[in-house]
Amino acid sequence: MVREIKFFKEYFIDFYLSLDLREQEKVDYVLLLIRTVEIVPGKFLKRMKGTRGLYEIRINFSNSTYRIFCCFDQSKLIVLFNGFVKKTRNTPKKEIERAVNLMTQYFEEKN
């Protein structure tokens, strides 16, 4: 494994469990790719502009778009935060703000 993935509290798990089995399989595939591929293609992992270290995992499946916010803790650990089904062209600001708050909370609790 190139990277390790960790969940911050229950936010990602709650999102994951809300998906049906086929959607979960697609999420599993993308997370496996992120764990095992040295250079992750930008279509799957992208840095969020205007934030300090927040990334989004991008998953397209069927006619739906899924986003999972995350950050790197050191270079080989990715921490997953909230996920949601994207229904608009732009990522909702409230979801970004929530992820930034969770990332801040994660690093405060870690230290």
C-alpha atoms as a PDB file:
ATOM      1  CA  MET A   1       0.000   0.000   0.000  1.00  0.00           C
ATOM      2  CA  VAL A   2       1.226   3.463  -0.894  1.00  0.00           C
ATOM      3  CA  ARG A   3      -1.191   5.299   1.425  1.00  0.00           C
ATOM      4  CA  GLU A   4      -3.294   4.555   4.470  1.00  0.00           C
ATOM      5  CA  ILE A   5      -6.866   5.818   4.789  1.00  0.00           C
ATOM      6  CA  LYS A   6      -8.393   6.775   8.122  1.00  0.00           C
ATOM      7  CA  PHE A   7     -11.905   7.989   8.972  1.00  0.00           C
ATOM      8  CA  PHE A   8     -12.461  11.000  11.226  1.00  0.00           C
ATOM      9  CA  LYS A   9     -15.294  10.096  13.577  1.00  0.00           C
ATOM     10  CA  GLU A  10     -18.439   8.694  11.916  1.00  0.00           C
ATOM     11  CA  TYR A  11     -19.040  11.268   9.158  1.00  0.00           C
ATOM     12  CA  PHE A  12     -17.726   9.242   6.220  1.00  0.00           C
ATOM     13  CA  ILE A  13     -19.186   5.977   7.546  1.00  0.00           C
ATOM     14  CA  ASP A  14     -22.654   7.546   7.816  1.00  0.00           C
ATOM     15  CA  PHE A  15     -22.397   8.727   4.209  1.00  0.00           C
ATOM     16  CA  TYR A  16     -21.068   5.349   3.008  1.00  0.00           C
ATOM     17  CA  LEU A  17     -23.862   3.412   4.714  1.00  0.00           C
ATOM     18  CA  SER A  18     -26.470   5.652   3.064  1.00  0.00           C
ATOM     19  CA  LEU A  19     -25.344   4.395  -0.372  1.00  0.00           C
ATOM     20  CA  ASP A  20     -26.650   1.278  -2.060  1.00  0.00           C
ATOM     21  CA  LEU A  21     -24.368  -1.716  -2.628  1.00  0.00           C
ATOM     22  CA  ARG A  22     -23.313  -0.771  -6.170  1.00  0.00           C
ATOM     23  CA  GLU A  23     -22.499   2.780  -5.093  1.00  0.00           C
ATOM     24  CA  GLN A  24     -20.474   1.424  -2.160  1.00  0.00           C
ATOM     25  CA  GLU A  25     -18.543  -0.837  -4.546  1.00  0.00           C
ATOM     26  CA  LYS A  26     -17.608   2.183  -6.682  1.00  0.00           C
ATOM     27  CA  VAL A  27     -16.476   4.096  -3.581  1.00  0.00           C
ATOM     28  CA  ASP A  28     -14.443   1.040  -2.504  1.00  0.00           C
ATOM     29  CA  TYR A  29     -12.806   0.905  -5.942  1.00  0.00           C
ATOM     30  CA  VAL A  30     -11.755   4.570  -5.846  1.00  0.00           C
ATOM     31  CA  LEU A  31     -10.470   4.296  -2.263  1.00  0.00           C
ATOM     32  CA  LEU A  32      -8.439   1.223  -3.240  1.00  0.00           C
ATOM     33  CA  LEU A  33      -6.993   3.156  -6.165  1.00  0.00           C
ATOM     34  CA  ILE A  34      -6.030   6.035  -3.864  1.00  0.00           C
ATOM     35  CA  ARG A  35      -4.365   3.610  -1.434  1.00  0.00           C
ATOM     36  CA  THR A  36      -2.381   1.726  -4.051  1.00  0.00           C
ATOM     37  CA  VAL A  37      -1.488   4.003  -6.991  1.00  0.00           C
ATOM     38  CA  GLU A  38       1.601   6.194  -6.621  1.00  0.00           C
ATOM     39  CA  ILE A  39       0.170   9.118  -8.618  1.00  0.00           C
ATOM     40  CA  VAL A  40      -3.614   9.401  -8.286  1.00  0.00           C
ATOM     41  CA  PRO A  41      -5.273  10.820 -11.430  1.00  0.00           C
ATOM     42  CA  GLY A  42      -6.835  14.251 -10.935  1.00  0.00           C
ATOM     43  CA  LYS A  43     -10.218  12.926 -11.955  1.00  0.00           C
ATOM     44  CA  PHE A  44     -10.292  11.014  -8.634  1.00  0.00           C
ATOM     45  CA  LEU A  45      -8.492  13.342  -6.208  1.00  0.00           C
ATOM     46  CA  LYS A  46      -8.335  17.121  -6.447  1.00  0.00           C
ATOM     47  CA  ARG A  47      -7.140  19.884  -4.132  1.00  0.00           C
ATOM     48  CA  MET A  48      -9.879  22.348  -3.180  1.00  0.00           C
ATOM     49  CA  LYS A  49      -8.962  25.878  -4.205  1.00  0.00           C
ATOM     50  CA  GLY A  50      -9.217  28.491  -1.490  1.00  0.00           C
ATOM     51  CA  THR A  51      -8.582  26.020   1.350  1.00  0.00           C
ATOM     52  CA  ARG A  52      -5.489  25.020   3.266  1.00  0.00           C
ATOM     53  CA  GLY A  53      -4.948  21.366   2.494  1.00  0.00           C
ATOM     54  CA  LEU A  54      -8.503  20.186   1.838  1.00  0.00           C
ATOM     55  CA  TYR A  55      -9.000  17.708  -1.009  1.00  0.00           C
ATOM     56  CA  GLU A  56     -12.033  16.095  -2.566  1.00  0.00           C
ATOM     57  CA  ILE A  57     -12.298  12.519  -3.732  1.00  0.00           C
ATOM     58  CA  ARG A  58     -14.373  12.566  -6.894  1.00  0.00           C
ATOM     59  CA  ILE A  59     -16.570   9.625  -7.827  1.00  0.00           C
ATOM     60  CA  ASN A  60     -18.901   9.452 -10.815  1.00  0.00           C
ATOM     61  CA  PHE A  61     -21.227   6.502 -11.007  1.00  0.00           C
ATOM     62  CA  SER A  62     -24.231   5.993 -13.213  1.00  0.00           C
ATOM     63  CA  ASN A  63     -25.833   9.446 -13.396  1.00  0.00           C
ATOM     64  CA  SER A  64     -24.660  10.560  -9.950  1.00  0.00           C
ATOM     65  CA  THR A  65     -21.647  12.450  -8.685  1.00  0.00           C
ATOM     66  CA  TYR A  66     -20.242  11.791  -5.220  1.00  0.00           C
ATOM     67  CA  ARG A  67     -17.715  13.828  -3.290  1.00  0.00           C
ATOM     68  CA  ILE A  68     -15.768  12.885  -0.183  1.00  0.00           C
ATOM     69  CA  PHE A  69     -13.657  15.525   1.521  1.00  0.00           C
ATOM     70  CA  CYS A  70     -10.295  14.560   2.940  1.00  0.00           C
ATOM     71  CA  CYS A  71      -6.828  15.818   3.805  1.00  0.00           C
ATOM     72  CA  PHE A  72      -3.328  14.445   4.062  1.00  0.00           C
ATOM     73  CA  ASP A  73      -1.814  13.975   7.504  1.00  0.00           C
ATOM     74  CA  GLN A  74       1.875  13.645   6.819  1.00  0.00           C
ATOM     75  CA  SER A  75       2.457  12.295   3.326  1.00  0.00           C
ATOM     76  CA  LYS A  76       1.037   8.770   3.420  1.00  0.00           C
ATOM     77  CA  LEU A  77      -2.103   9.108   5.560  1.00  0.00           C
ATOM     78  CA  ILE A  78      -5.387  10.372   4.144  1.00  0.00           C
ATOM     79  CA  VAL A  79      -8.135  11.324   6.598  1.00  0.00           C
ATOM     80  CA  LEU A  80     -11.709  11.144   5.278  1.00  0.00           C
ATOM     81  CA  PHE A  81     -14.356  13.596   6.454  1.00  0.00           C
ATOM     82  CA  ASN A  82     -17.872  14.174   5.113  1.00  0.00           C
ATOM     83  CA  GLY A  83     -19.283  12.890   1.853  1.00  0.00           C
ATOM     84  CA  PHE A  84     -22.315  13.893  -0.162  1.00  0.00           C
ATOM     85  CA  VAL A  85     -24.107  13.413  -3.452  1.00  0.00           C
ATOM     86  CA  LYS A  86     -23.365  16.403  -5.642  1.00  0.00           C
ATOM     87  CA  LYS A  87     -26.513  17.768  -7.282  1.00  0.00           C
ATOM     88  CA  THR A  88     -25.302  21.123  -8.604  1.00  0.00           C
ATOM     89  CA  ARG A  89     -22.465  22.220 -10.861  1.00  0.00           C
ATOM     90  CA  ASN A  90     -20.569  23.907  -8.041  1.00  0.00           C
ATOM     91  CA  THR A  91     -19.701  22.252  -4.755  1.00  0.00           C
ATOM     92  CA  PRO A  92     -22.026  23.677  -2.061  1.00  0.00           C
ATOM     93  CA  LYS A  93     -20.220  26.112   0.233  1.00  0.00           C
ATOM     94  CA  LYS A  94     -21.846  24.588   3.322  1.00  0.00           C
ATOM     95  CA  GLU A  95     -20.262  21.204   2.504  1.00  0.00           C
ATOM     96  CA  ILE A  96     -16.829  22.814   2.044  1.00  0.00           C
ATOM     97  CA  GLU A  97     -17.219  24.772   5.297  1.00  0.00           C
ATOM     98  CA  ARG A  98     -18.252  21.617   7.117  1.00  0.00           C
ATOM     99  CA  ALA A  99     -15.190  19.781   5.796  1.00  0.00           C
ATOM    100  CA  VAL A 100     -12.846  22.631   6.743  1.00  0.00           C
ATOM    101  CA  ASN A 101     -14.324  22.626  10.255  1.00  0.00           C
ATOM    102  CA  LEU A 102     -13.886  18.852  10.526  1.00  0.00           C
ATOM    103  CA  MET A 103     -10.285  19.106   9.298  1.00  0.00           C
ATOM    104  CA  THR A 104      -9.556  21.811  11.894  1.00  0.00           C
ATOM    105  CA  GLN A 105     -11.170  19.688  14.610  1.00  0.00           C
ATOM    106  CA  TYR A 106      -9.152  16.631  13.521  1.00  0.00           C
ATOM    107  CA  PHE A 107      -5.799  18.428  13.834  1.00  0.00           C
ATOM    108  CA  GLU A 108      -6.791  20.081  17.132  1.00  0.00           C
ATOM    109  CA  GLU A 109      -7.768  16.718  18.634  1.00  0.00           C
ATOM    110  CA  LYS A 110      -4.625  15.086  17.259  1.00  0.00           C
ATOM    111  CA  ASN A 111      -2.355  17.609  18.978  1.00  0.00           C
END
